[in-house]
Amino acid sequence: GRVGDIEVRDDEDRVFEAVEIKHGIPINVQLIKDAYEKFKSHPIQRYYLLSTAEEDSDIDNINKGHFQKLP
């Protein structure tokens, strides 16, 4: 499957950079966890999760690193 909305591939056709864009959907802890599940099995060097929405009230949890409980 796809890793992001935009994928940059190397000479061996492996994704090494990806961008996921959420239109009007605020970034929250669950979105970060879902994104991690998408790319954890790929040798991603950079992954960007962007949104057109205003900051969510979940920003405090994100900044505190509560999403770091990923396997």
Protein backbone atom coordinates (compact mmCIF):
# COMPACT_ATOMS: atom_id res chain seq x y z
CA GLY A 1 0.00 0.00 0.00
CA ARG A 2 0.88 3.63 -0.08
CA VAL A 3 2.80 5.26 2.73
CA GLY A 4 1.66 8.82 2.07
CA ASP A 5 -0.16 11.10 -0.33
CA ILE A 6 3.21 12.06 -1.80
CA GLU A 7 6.07 9.56 -1.91
CA VAL A 8 9.68 10.11 -2.90
CA ARG A 9 11.47 6.96 -4.04
CA ASP A 10 15.14 6.08 -4.39
CA ASP A 11 16.89 4.43 -7.35
CA GLU A 12 15.68 1.03 -6.14
CA ASP A 13 12.03 2.20 -6.03
CA ARG A 14 11.93 2.25 -2.20
CA VAL A 15 10.05 5.05 -0.46
CA PHE A 16 12.48 7.11 1.60
CA GLU A 17 10.36 10.21 2.17
CA ALA A 18 6.58 10.63 2.40
CA VAL A 19 4.06 13.40 2.99
CA GLU A 20 0.51 12.86 4.22
CA ILE A 21 -1.86 15.80 3.95
CA LYS A 22 -5.07 16.10 5.96
CA HIS A 23 -7.52 18.69 4.64
CA GLY A 24 -9.48 20.25 7.48
CA ILE A 25 -8.59 17.43 9.88
CA PRO A 26 -6.55 18.47 12.94
CA ILE A 27 -3.43 16.48 13.79
CA ASN A 28 -3.99 14.44 16.94
CA VAL A 29 -2.34 11.57 18.76
CA GLN A 30 -4.42 8.95 16.93
CA LEU A 31 -3.45 10.33 13.49
CA ILE A 32 0.21 10.13 14.49
CA LYS A 33 -0.23 6.52 15.62
CA ASP A 34 -2.04 5.65 12.38
CA ALA A 35 0.73 7.28 10.32
CA TYR A 36 3.36 5.30 12.22
CA GLU A 37 1.54 2.06 11.41
CA LYS A 38 1.72 2.97 7.70
CA PHE A 39 5.46 3.60 7.56
CA LYS A 40 6.98 1.50 10.33
CA SER A 41 7.89 -1.34 7.95
CA HIS A 42 9.49 0.99 5.39
CA PRO A 43 12.99 2.52 5.55
CA ILE A 44 11.51 6.04 5.75
CA GLN A 45 14.02 8.80 6.41
CA ARG A 46 11.45 11.60 6.65
CA TYR A 47 7.68 11.54 7.09
CA TYR A 48 5.59 14.69 7.18
CA LEU A 49 2.04 14.77 8.50
CA LEU A 50 0.49 18.10 7.50
CA SER A 51 -2.95 19.59 8.02
CA THR A 52 -4.89 22.61 6.78
CA ALA A 53 -6.86 22.67 10.06
CA GLU A 54 -6.26 24.91 13.04
CA GLU A 55 -4.39 23.47 16.01
CA ASP A 56 -6.40 20.91 17.93
CA SER A 57 -6.88 20.77 21.67
CA ASP A 58 -4.81 17.57 21.50
CA ILE A 59 -1.68 19.64 20.80
CA ASP A 60 -0.68 19.46 24.48
CA ASN A 61 -0.64 15.64 24.37
CA ILE A 62 1.32 15.69 21.13
CA ASN A 63 3.87 18.15 22.53
CA LYS A 64 4.23 16.09 25.71
CA GLY A 65 5.19 13.08 23.60
CA HIS A 66 2.23 10.90 24.59
CA PHE A 67 2.39 9.39 21.11
CA GLN A 68 5.81 7.91 21.92
CA LYS A 69 4.12 4.83 23.38
CA LEU A 70 4.26 3.29 19.92
CA PRO A 71 5.55 -0.28 19.71
